[in-house]
Amino acid sequence: MFPVLKEKHALPAGTLSGGQQQMLAVGRALMGRPKLLLLDE
């Protein structure tokens, strides 16, 4: 879903741009297999 995360998977998350960090935050939530996904701003 977010190929840029795979390209940079070994890098510290703090090196990502704001948009890439948002993708990471969404991906992290998806790893919990949500039955209800809450997206805040």
ModelCIF file with pLDDT and N, C-alpha, C, O atoms, coordinates in Angstrom:
data_MODEL
#
_entry.id   MODEL 
#
_entity.id                         1 
_entity.type                       polymer 
_entity.pdbx_number_of_molecules   1 
#
_entity_poly.entity_id                      1 
_entity_poly.type                           'polypeptide(L)' 
_entity_poly.nstd_linkage                   no 
_entity_poly.nstd_monomer                   no 
_entity_poly.pdbx_seq_one_letter_code       MFPVLKEKHALPAGTLSGGQQQMLAVGRALMGRPKLLLLDE 
_entity_poly.pdbx_seq_one_letter_code_can   MFPVLKEKHALPAGTLSGGQQQMLAVGRALMGRPKLLLLDE 
_entity_poly.pdbx_strand_id                 A 
#
loop_
_entity_poly_seq.entity_id 
_entity_poly_seq.num 
_entity_poly_seq.mon_id 
_entity_poly_seq.hetero 
1 1  MET n 
1 2  PHE n 
1 3  PRO n 
1 4  VAL n 
1 5  LEU n 
1 6  LYS n 
1 7  GLU n 
1 8  LYS n 
1 9  HIS n 
1 10 ALA n 
1 11 LEU n 
1 12 PRO n 
1 13 ALA n 
1 14 GLY n 
1 15 THR n 
1 16 LEU n 
1 17 SER n 
1 18 GLY n 
1 19 GLY n 
1 20 GLN n 
1 21 GLN n 
1 22 GLN n 
1 23 MET n 
1 24 LEU n 
1 25 ALA n 
1 26 VAL n 
1 27 GLY n 
1 28 ARG n 
1 29 ALA n 
1 30 LEU n 
1 31 MET n 
1 32 GLY n 
1 33 ARG n 
1 34 PRO n 
1 35 LYS n 
1 36 LEU n 
1 37 LEU n 
1 38 LEU n 
1 39 LEU n 
1 40 ASP n 
1 41 GLU n 
#
_struct_asym.id          A 
_struct_asym.entity_id   1 
#
loop_
_ma_qa_metric.id 
_ma_qa_metric.mode 
_ma_qa_metric.name 
_ma_qa_metric.software_group_id 
_ma_qa_metric.type 
1 global pLDDT . pLDDT 
2 local  pLDDT . pLDDT 
#
_ma_qa_metric_global.metric_id      1 
_ma_qa_metric_global.metric_value   93.41 
_ma_qa_metric_global.model_id       1 
_ma_qa_metric_global.ordinal_id     1 
#
loop_
_ma_qa_metric_local.label_asym_id 
_ma_qa_metric_local.label_comp_id 
_ma_qa_metric_local.label_seq_id 
_ma_qa_metric_local.metric_id 
_ma_qa_metric_local.metric_value 
_ma_qa_metric_local.model_id 
_ma_qa_metric_local.ordinal_id 
A MET 1  2 91.00 1 1  
A PHE 2  2 92.00 1 2  
A PRO 3  2 93.00 1 3  
A VAL 4  2 93.00 1 4  
A LEU 5  2 95.00 1 5  
A LYS 6  2 95.00 1 6  
A GLU 7  2 96.00 1 7  
A LYS 8  2 96.00 1 8  
A HIS 9  2 96.00 1 9  
A ALA 10 2 96.00 1 10 
A LEU 11 2 96.00 1 11 
A PRO 12 2 96.00 1 12 
A ALA 13 2 93.00 1 13 
A GLY 14 2 92.00 1 14 
A THR 15 2 93.00 1 15 
A LEU 16 2 92.00 1 16 
A SER 17 2 89.00 1 17 
A GLY 18 2 86.00 1 18 
A GLY 19 2 86.00 1 19 
A GLN 20 2 90.00 1 20 
A GLN 21 2 91.00 1 21 
A GLN 22 2 90.00 1 22 
A MET 23 2 91.00 1 23 
A LEU 24 2 93.00 1 24 
A ALA 25 2 93.00 1 25 
A VAL 26 2 93.00 1 26 
A GLY 27 2 94.00 1 27 
A ARG 28 2 94.00 1 28 
A ALA 29 2 95.00 1 29 
A LEU 30 2 95.00 1 30 
A MET 31 2 95.00 1 31 
A GLY 32 2 93.00 1 32 
A ARG 33 2 94.00 1 33 
A PRO 34 2 96.00 1 34 
A LYS 35 2 96.00 1 35 
A LEU 36 2 98.00 1 36 
A LEU 37 2 97.00 1 37 
A LEU 38 2 97.00 1 38 
A LEU 39 2 96.00 1 39 
A ASP 40 2 93.00 1 40 
A GLU 41 2 90.00 1 41 
#
loop_
_atom_site.group_PDB 
_atom_site.id 
_atom_site.type_symbol 
_atom_site.label_atom_id 
_atom_site.label_alt_id 
_atom_site.label_comp_id 
_atom_site.label_asym_id 
_atom_site.label_entity_id 
_atom_site.label_seq_id 
_atom_site.pdbx_PDB_ins_code 
_atom_site.Cartn_x 
_atom_site.Cartn_y 
_atom_site.Cartn_z 
_atom_site.occupancy 
_atom_site.B_iso_or_equiv 
_atom_site.pdbx_formal_charge 
_atom_site.auth_seq_id 
_atom_site.auth_comp_id 
_atom_site.auth_asym_id 
_atom_site.auth_atom_id 
_atom_site.pdbx_PDB_model_num 
ATOM 1   N N  . MET A 1 1  ? 0.818   -1.212 0.000  1.00 91.00 ? 1  MET A N  1 
ATOM 2   C CA . MET A 1 1  ? 0.000   0.000  0.000  1.00 91.00 ? 1  MET A CA 1 
ATOM 3   C C  . MET A 1 1  ? 0.854   1.265  0.000  1.00 91.00 ? 1  MET A C  1 
ATOM 4   O O  . MET A 1 1  ? 0.507   2.259  -0.638 1.00 91.00 ? 1  MET A O  1 
ATOM 5   N N  . PHE A 1 2  ? 1.980   1.218  0.725  1.00 92.00 ? 2  PHE A N  1 
ATOM 6   C CA . PHE A 1 2  ? 2.869   2.381  0.846  1.00 92.00 ? 2  PHE A CA 1 
ATOM 7   C C  . PHE A 1 2  ? 4.294   1.962  0.486  1.00 92.00 ? 2  PHE A C  1 
ATOM 8   O O  . PHE A 1 2  ? 5.102   1.721  1.383  1.00 92.00 ? 2  PHE A O  1 
ATOM 9   N N  . PRO A 1 3  ? 4.619   1.870  -0.797 1.00 93.00 ? 3  PRO A N  1 
ATOM 10  C CA . PRO A 1 3  ? 5.940   1.382  -1.223 1.00 93.00 ? 3  PRO A CA 1 
ATOM 11  C C  . PRO A 1 3  ? 7.108   2.164  -0.640 1.00 93.00 ? 3  PRO A C  1 
ATOM 12  O O  . PRO A 1 3  ? 8.181   1.599  -0.433 1.00 93.00 ? 3  PRO A O  1 
ATOM 13  N N  . VAL A 1 4  ? 6.922   3.451  -0.372 1.00 93.00 ? 4  VAL A N  1 
ATOM 14  C CA . VAL A 1 4  ? 8.025   4.250  0.164  1.00 93.00 ? 4  VAL A CA 1 
ATOM 15  C C  . VAL A 1 4  ? 8.460   3.734  1.534  1.00 93.00 ? 4  VAL A C  1 
ATOM 16  O O  . VAL A 1 4  ? 9.626   3.869  1.905  1.00 93.00 ? 4  VAL A O  1 
ATOM 17  N N  . LEU A 1 5  ? 7.542   3.152  2.278  1.00 95.00 ? 5  LEU A N  1 
ATOM 18  C CA . LEU A 1 5  ? 7.900   2.603  3.591  1.00 95.00 ? 5  LEU A CA 1 
ATOM 19  C C  . LEU A 1 5  ? 8.789   1.376  3.447  1.00 95.00 ? 5  LEU A C  1 
ATOM 20  O O  . LEU A 1 5  ? 9.674   1.144  4.270  1.00 95.00 ? 5  LEU A O  1 
ATOM 21  N N  . LYS A 1 6  ? 8.555   0.596  2.407  1.00 95.00 ? 6  LYS A N  1 
ATOM 22  C CA . LYS A 1 6  ? 9.412   -0.565 2.174  1.00 95.00 ? 6  LYS A CA 1 
ATOM 23  C C  . LYS A 1 6  ? 10.798  -0.124 1.738  1.00 95.00 ? 6  LYS A C  1 
ATOM 24  O O  . LYS A 1 6  ? 11.801  -0.690 2.173  1.00 95.00 ? 6  LYS A O  1 
ATOM 25  N N  . GLU A 1 7  ? 10.855  0.889  0.879  1.00 96.00 ? 7  GLU A N  1 
ATOM 26  C CA . GLU A 1 7  ? 12.144  1.393  0.409  1.00 96.00 ? 7  GLU A CA 1 
ATOM 27  C C  . GLU A 1 7  ? 13.005  1.894  1.560  1.00 96.00 ? 7  GLU A C  1 
ATOM 28  O O  . GLU A 1 7  ? 14.230  1.775  1.522  1.00 96.00 ? 7  GLU A O  1 
ATOM 29  N N  . LYS A 1 8  ? 12.368  2.452  2.580  1.00 96.00 ? 8  LYS A N  1 
ATOM 30  C CA . LYS A 1 8  ? 13.104  3.075  3.688  1.00 96.00 ? 8  LYS A CA 1 
ATOM 31  C C  . LYS A 1 8  ? 12.943  2.319  5.002  1.00 96.00 ? 8  LYS A C  1 
ATOM 32  O O  . LYS A 1 8  ? 13.163  2.888  6.071  1.00 96.00 ? 8  LYS A O  1 
ATOM 33  N N  . HIS A 1 9  ? 12.562  1.045  4.936  1.00 96.00 ? 9  HIS A N  1 
ATOM 34  C CA . HIS A 1 9  ? 12.124  0.322  6.129  1.00 96.00 ? 9  HIS A CA 1 
ATOM 35  C C  . HIS A 1 9  ? 13.136  0.306  7.268  1.00 96.00 ? 9  HIS A C  1 
ATOM 36  O O  . HIS A 1 9  ? 12.749  0.208  8.433  1.00 96.00 ? 9  HIS A O  1 
ATOM 37  N N  . ALA A 1 10 ? 14.426  0.401  6.951  1.00 96.00 ? 10 ALA A N  1 
ATOM 38  C CA . ALA A 1 10 ? 15.459  0.320  7.992  1.00 96.00 ? 10 ALA A CA 1 
ATOM 39  C C  . ALA A 1 10 ? 15.829  1.684  8.572  1.00 96.00 ? 10 ALA A C  1 
ATOM 40  O O  . ALA A 1 10 ? 16.578  1.757  9.546  1.00 96.00 ? 10 ALA A O  1 
ATOM 41  N N  . LEU A 1 11 ? 15.315  2.761  7.985  1.00 96.00 ? 11 LEU A N  1 
ATOM 42  C CA . LEU A 1 11 ? 15.657  4.103  8.445  1.00 96.00 ? 11 LEU A CA 1 
ATOM 43  C C  . LEU A 1 11 ? 14.827  4.495  9.663  1.00 96.00 ? 11 LEU A C  1 
ATOM 44  O O  . LEU A 1 11 ? 13.717  3.995  9.848  1.00 96.00 ? 11 LEU A O  1 
ATOM 45  N N  . PRO A 1 12 ? 15.363  5.393  10.499 1.00 96.00 ? 12 PRO A N  1 
ATOM 46  C CA . PRO A 1 12 ? 14.561  5.898  11.624 1.00 96.00 ? 12 PRO A CA 1 
ATOM 47  C C  . PRO A 1 12 ? 13.304  6.597  11.126 1.00 96.00 ? 12 PRO A C  1 
ATOM 48  O O  . PRO A 1 12 ? 13.351  7.330  10.138 1.00 96.00 ? 12 PRO A O  1 
ATOM 49  N N  . ALA A 1 13 ? 12.191  6.377  11.798 1.00 93.00 ? 13 ALA A N  1 
ATOM 50  C CA . ALA A 1 13 ? 10.928  6.977  11.375 1.00 93.00 ? 13 ALA A CA 1 
ATOM 51  C C  . ALA A 1 13 ? 10.992  8.497  11.391 1.00 93.00 ? 13 ALA A C  1 
ATOM 52  O O  . ALA A 1 13 ? 10.281  9.160  10.635 1.00 93.00 ? 13 ALA A O  1 
ATOM 53  N N  . GLY A 1 14 ? 11.837  9.046  12.246 1.00 92.00 ? 14 GLY A N  1 
ATOM 54  C CA . GLY A 1 14 ? 11.957  10.498 12.335 1.00 92.00 ? 14 GLY A CA 1 
ATOM 55  C C  . GLY A 1 14 ? 12.557  11.151 11.107 1.00 92.00 ? 14 GLY A C  1 
ATOM 56  O O  . GLY A 1 14 ? 12.493  12.372 10.965 1.00 92.00 ? 14 GLY A O  1 
ATOM 57  N N  . THR A 1 15 ? 13.145  10.356 10.208 1.00 93.00 ? 15 THR A N  1 
ATOM 58  C CA . THR A 1 15 ? 13.731  10.916 8.984  1.00 93.00 ? 15 THR A CA 1 
ATOM 59  C C  . THR A 1 15 ? 12.704  11.074 7.870  1.00 93.00 ? 15 THR A C  1 
ATOM 60  O O  . THR A 1 15 ? 13.004  11.664 6.831  1.00 93.00 ? 15 THR A O  1 
ATOM 61  N N  . LEU A 1 16 ? 11.509  10.559 8.072  1.00 92.00 ? 16 LEU A N  1 
ATOM 62  C CA . LEU A 1 16 ? 10.473  10.643 7.044  1.00 92.00 ? 16 LEU A CA 1 
ATOM 63  C C  . LEU A 1 16 ? 9.862   12.037 6.994  1.00 92.00 ? 16 LEU A C  1 
ATOM 64  O O  . LEU A 1 16 ? 9.875   12.766 7.986  1.00 92.00 ? 16 LEU A O  1 
ATOM 65  N N  . SER A 1 17 ? 9.333   12.397 5.844  1.00 89.00 ? 17 SER A N  1 
ATOM 66  C CA . SER A 1 17 ? 8.577   13.639 5.711  1.00 89.00 ? 17 SER A CA 1 
ATOM 67  C C  . SER A 1 17 ? 7.255   13.493 6.458  1.00 89.00 ? 17 SER A C  1 
ATOM 68  O O  . SER A 1 17 ? 6.883   12.397 6.877  1.00 89.00 ? 17 SER A O  1 
ATOM 69  N N  . GLY A 1 18 ? 6.545   14.622 6.620  1.00 86.00 ? 18 GLY A N  1 
ATOM 70  C CA . GLY A 1 18 ? 5.261   14.574 7.312  1.00 86.00 ? 18 GLY A CA 1 
ATOM 71  C C  . GLY A 1 18 ? 4.270   13.643 6.644  1.00 86.00 ? 18 GLY A C  1 
ATOM 72  O O  . GLY A 1 18 ? 3.561   12.896 7.318  1.00 86.00 ? 18 GLY A O  1 
ATOM 73  N N  . GLY A 1 19 ? 4.218   13.683 5.315  1.00 86.00 ? 19 GLY A N  1 
ATOM 74  C CA . GLY A 1 19 ? 3.298   12.811 4.594  1.00 86.00 ? 19 GLY A CA 1 
ATOM 75  C C  . GLY A 1 19 ? 3.660   11.344 4.742  1.00 86.00 ? 19 GLY A C  1 
ATOM 76  O O  . GLY A 1 19 ? 2.783   10.492 4.889  1.00 86.00 ? 19 GLY A O  1 
ATOM 77  N N  . GLN A 1 20 ? 4.962   11.050 4.701  1.00 90.00 ? 20 GLN A N  1 
ATOM 78  C CA . GLN A 1 20 ? 5.411   9.672  4.863  1.00 90.00 ? 20 GLN A CA 1 
ATOM 79  C C  . GLN A 1 20 ? 5.152   9.177  6.288  1.00 90.00 ? 20 GLN A C  1 
ATOM 80  O O  . GLN A 1 20 ? 4.829   8.007  6.493  1.00 90.00 ? 20 GLN A O  1 
ATOM 81  N N  . GLN A 1 21 ? 5.294   10.072 7.271  1.00 91.00 ? 21 GLN A N  1 
ATOM 82  C CA . GLN A 1 21 ? 4.979   9.688  8.643  1.00 91.00 ? 21 GLN A CA 1 
ATOM 83  C C  . GLN A 1 21 ? 3.492   9.389  8.805  1.00 91.00 ? 21 GLN A C  1 
ATOM 84  O O  . GLN A 1 21 ? 3.108   8.515  9.583  1.00 91.00 ? 21 GLN A O  1 
ATOM 85  N N  . GLN A 1 22 ? 2.650   10.127 8.059  1.00 90.00 ? 22 GLN A N  1 
ATOM 86  C CA . GLN A 1 22 ? 1.220   9.836  8.114  1.00 90.00 ? 22 GLN A CA 1 
ATOM 87  C C  . GLN A 1 22 ? 0.934   8.460  7.533  1.00 90.00 ? 22 GLN A C  1 
ATOM 88  O O  . GLN A 1 22 ? 0.114   7.717  8.073  1.00 90.00 ? 22 GLN A O  1 
ATOM 89  N N  . MET A 1 23 ? 1.606   8.114  6.433  1.00 91.00 ? 23 MET A N  1 
ATOM 90  C CA . MET A 1 23 ? 1.466   6.775  5.867  1.00 91.00 ? 23 MET A CA 1 
ATOM 91  C C  . MET A 1 23 ? 1.907   5.718  6.873  1.00 91.00 ? 23 MET A C  1 
ATOM 92  O O  . MET A 1 23 ? 1.274   4.670  7.002  1.00 91.00 ? 23 MET A O  1 
ATOM 93  N N  . LEU A 1 24 ? 2.997   5.999  7.587  1.00 93.00 ? 24 LEU A N  1 
ATOM 94  C CA . LEU A 1 24 ? 3.490   5.061  8.602  1.00 93.00 ? 24 LEU A CA 1 
ATOM 95  C C  . LEU A 1 24 ? 2.477   4.904  9.727  1.00 93.00 ? 24 LEU A C  1 
ATOM 96  O O  . LEU A 1 24 ? 2.244   3.792  10.201 1.00 93.00 ? 24 LEU A O  1 
ATOM 97  N N  . ALA A 1 25 ? 1.875   6.005  10.157 1.00 93.00 ? 25 ALA A N  1 
ATOM 98  C CA . ALA A 1 25 ? 0.892   5.941  11.232 1.00 93.00 ? 25 ALA A CA 1 
ATOM 99  C C  . ALA A 1 25 ? -0.327  5.112  10.819 1.00 93.00 ? 25 ALA A C  1 
ATOM 100 O O  . ALA A 1 25 ? -0.859  4.339  11.615 1.00 93.00 ? 25 ALA A O  1 
ATOM 101 N N  . VAL A 1 26 ? -0.763  5.282  9.564  1.00 93.00 ? 26 VAL A N  1 
ATOM 102 C CA . VAL A 1 26 ? -1.881  4.473  9.059  1.00 93.00 ? 26 VAL A CA 1 
ATOM 103 C C  . VAL A 1 26 ? -1.463  3.008  8.983  1.00 93.00 ? 26 VAL A C  1 
ATOM 104 O O  . VAL A 1 26 ? -2.208  2.121  9.402  1.00 93.00 ? 26 VAL A O  1 
ATOM 105 N N  . GLY A 1 27 ? -0.282  2.760  8.452  1.00 94.00 ? 27 GLY A N  1 
ATOM 106 C CA . GLY A 1 27 ? 0.208   1.385  8.349  1.00 94.00 ? 27 GLY A CA 1 
ATOM 107 C C  . GLY A 1 27 ? 0.325   0.717  9.703  1.00 94.00 ? 27 GLY A C  1 
ATOM 108 O O  . GLY A 1 27 ? -0.016  -0.456 9.853  1.00 94.00 ? 27 GLY A O  1 
ATOM 109 N N  . ARG A 1 28 ? 0.805   1.457  10.689 1.00 94.00 ? 28 ARG A N  1 
ATOM 110 C CA . ARG A 1 28 ? 0.941   0.908  12.050 1.00 94.00 ? 28 ARG A CA 1 
ATOM 111 C C  . ARG A 1 28 ? -0.415  0.477  12.600 1.00 94.00 ? 28 ARG A C  1 
ATOM 112 O O  . ARG A 1 28 ? -0.529  -0.578 13.225 1.00 94.00 ? 28 ARG A O  1 
ATOM 113 N N  . ALA A 1 29 ? -1.452  1.301  12.365 1.00 95.00 ? 29 ALA A N  1 
ATOM 114 C CA . ALA A 1 29 ? -2.796  0.938  12.817 1.00 95.00 ? 29 ALA A CA 1 
ATOM 115 C C  . ALA A 1 29 ? -3.305  -0.297 12.079 1.00 95.00 ? 29 ALA A C  1 
ATOM 116 O O  . ALA A 1 29 ? -3.954  -1.152 12.682 1.00 95.00 ? 29 ALA A O  1 
ATOM 117 N N  . LEU A 1 30 ? -3.021  -0.400 10.786 1.00 95.00 ? 30 LEU A N  1 
ATOM 118 C CA . LEU A 1 30 ? -3.477  -1.553 10.009 1.00 95.00 ? 30 LEU A CA 1 
ATOM 119 C C  . LEU A 1 30 ? -2.835  -2.847 10.491 1.00 95.00 ? 30 LEU A C  1 
ATOM 120 O O  . LEU A 1 30 ? -3.424  -3.919 10.355 1.00 95.00 ? 30 LEU A O  1 
ATOM 121 N N  . MET A 1 31 ? -1.642  -2.754 11.049 1.00 95.00 ? 31 MET A N  1 
ATOM 122 C CA . MET A 1 31 ? -0.973  -3.953 11.569 1.00 95.00 ? 31 MET A CA 1 
ATOM 123 C C  . MET A 1 31 ? -1.758  -4.579 12.727 1.00 95.00 ? 31 MET A C  1 
ATOM 124 O O  . MET A 1 31 ? -1.561  -5.751 13.049 1.00 95.00 ? 31 MET A O  1 
ATOM 125 N N  . GLY A 1 32 ? -2.639  -3.805 13.346 1.00 93.00 ? 32 GLY A N  1 
ATOM 126 C CA . GLY A 1 32 ? -3.481  -4.345 14.413 1.00 93.00 ? 32 GLY A CA 1 
ATOM 127 C C  . GLY A 1 32 ? -4.741  -5.014 13.908 1.00 93.00 ? 32 GLY A C  1 
ATOM 128 O O  . GLY A 1 32 ? -5.584  -5.425 14.705 1.00 93.00 ? 32 GLY A O  1 
ATOM 129 N N  . ARG A 1 33 ? -4.885  -5.133 12.580 1.00 94.00 ? 33 ARG A N  1 
ATOM 130 C CA . ARG A 1 33 ? -6.071  -5.730 11.962 1.00 94.00 ? 33 ARG A CA 1 
ATOM 131 C C  . ARG A 1 33 ? -7.366  -5.134 12.520 1.00 94.00 ? 33 ARG A C  1 
ATOM 132 O O  . ARG A 1 33 ? -8.163  -5.850 13.127 1.00 94.00 ? 33 ARG A O  1 
ATOM 133 N N  . PRO A 1 34 ? -7.580  -3.844 12.323 1.00 96.00 ? 34 PRO A N  1 
ATOM 134 C CA . PRO A 1 34 ? -8.726  -3.171 12.946 1.00 96.00 ? 34 PRO A CA 1 
ATOM 135 C C  . PRO A 1 34 ? -10.081 -3.639 12.419 1.00 96.00 ? 34 PRO A C  1 
ATOM 136 O O  . PRO A 1 34 ? -10.265 -3.868 11.223 1.00 96.00 ? 34 PRO A O  1 
ATOM 137 N N  . LYS A 1 35 ? -11.004 -3.769 13.340 1.00 96.00 ? 35 LYS A N  1 
ATOM 138 C CA . LYS A 1 35 ? -12.402 -3.945 12.977 1.00 96.00 ? 35 LYS A CA 1 
ATOM 139 C C  . LYS A 1 35 ? -13.082 -2.581 12.875 1.00 96.00 ? 35 LYS A C  1 
ATOM 140 O O  . LYS A 1 35 ? -14.135 -2.438 12.253 1.00 96.00 ? 35 LYS A O  1 
ATOM 141 N N  . LEU A 1 36 ? -12.453 -1.582 13.503 1.00 98.00 ? 36 LEU A N  1 
ATOM 142 C CA . LEU A 1 36 ? -12.870 -0.180 13.376 1.00 98.00 ? 36 LEU A CA 1 
ATOM 143 C C  . LEU A 1 36 ? -11.598 0.654  13.366 1.00 98.00 ? 36 LEU A C  1 
ATOM 144 O O  . LEU A 1 36 ? -10.831 0.650  14.329 1.00 98.00 ? 36 LEU A O  1 
ATOM 145 N N  . LEU A 1 37 ? -11.382 1.368  12.266 1.00 97.00 ? 37 LEU A N  1 
ATOM 146 C CA . LEU A 1 37 ? -10.205 2.223  12.128 1.00 97.00 ? 37 LEU A CA 1 
ATOM 147 C C  . LEU A 1 37 ? -10.610 3.669  12.399 1.00 97.00 ? 37 LEU A C  1 
ATOM 148 O O  . LEU A 1 37 ? -11.485 4.216  11.728 1.00 97.00 ? 37 LEU A O  1 
ATOM 149 N N  . LEU A 1 38 ? -9.966  4.280  13.388 1.00 97.00 ? 38 LEU A N  1 
ATOM 150 C CA . LEU A 1 38 ? -10.220 5.668  13.750 1.00 97.00 ? 38 LEU A CA 1 
ATOM 151 C C  . LEU A 1 38 ? -9.110  6.535  13.168 1.00 97.00 ? 38 LEU A C  1 
ATOM 152 O O  . LEU A 1 38 ? -7.937  6.347  13.493 1.00 97.00 ? 38 LEU A O  1 
ATOM 153 N N  . LEU A 1 39 ? -9.472  7.476  12.317 1.00 96.00 ? 39 LEU A N  1 
ATOM 154 C CA . LEU A 1 39 ? -8.499  8.359  11.675 1.00 96.00 ? 39 LEU A CA 1 
ATOM 155 C C  . LEU A 1 39 ? -8.714  9.783  12.169 1.00 96.00 ? 39 LEU A C  1 
ATOM 156 O O  . LEU A 1 39 ? -9.764  10.380 11.931 1.00 96.00 ? 39 LEU A O  1 
ATOM 157 N N  . ASP A 1 40 ? -7.712  10.324 12.857 1.00 93.00 ? 40 ASP A N  1 
ATOM 158 C CA . ASP A 1 40 ? -7.834  11.653 13.448 1.00 93.00 ? 40 ASP A CA 1 
ATOM 159 C C  . ASP A 1 40 ? -7.008  12.663 12.658 1.00 93.00 ? 40 ASP A C  1 
ATOM 160 O O  . ASP A 1 40 ? -5.781  12.691 12.757 1.00 93.00 ? 40 ASP A O  1 
ATOM 161 N N  . GLU A 1 41 ? -7.692  13.488 11.874 1.00 90.00 ? 41 GLU A N  1 
ATOM 162 C CA . GLU A 1 41 ? -7.070  14.567 11.094 1.00 90.00 ? 41 GLU A CA 1 
ATOM 163 C C  . GLU A 1 41 ? -5.895  14.079 10.234 1.00 90.00 ? 41 GLU A C  1 
ATOM 164 O O  . GLU A 1 41 ? -5.277  14.874 9.526  1.00 90.00 ? 41 GLU A O  1 
#
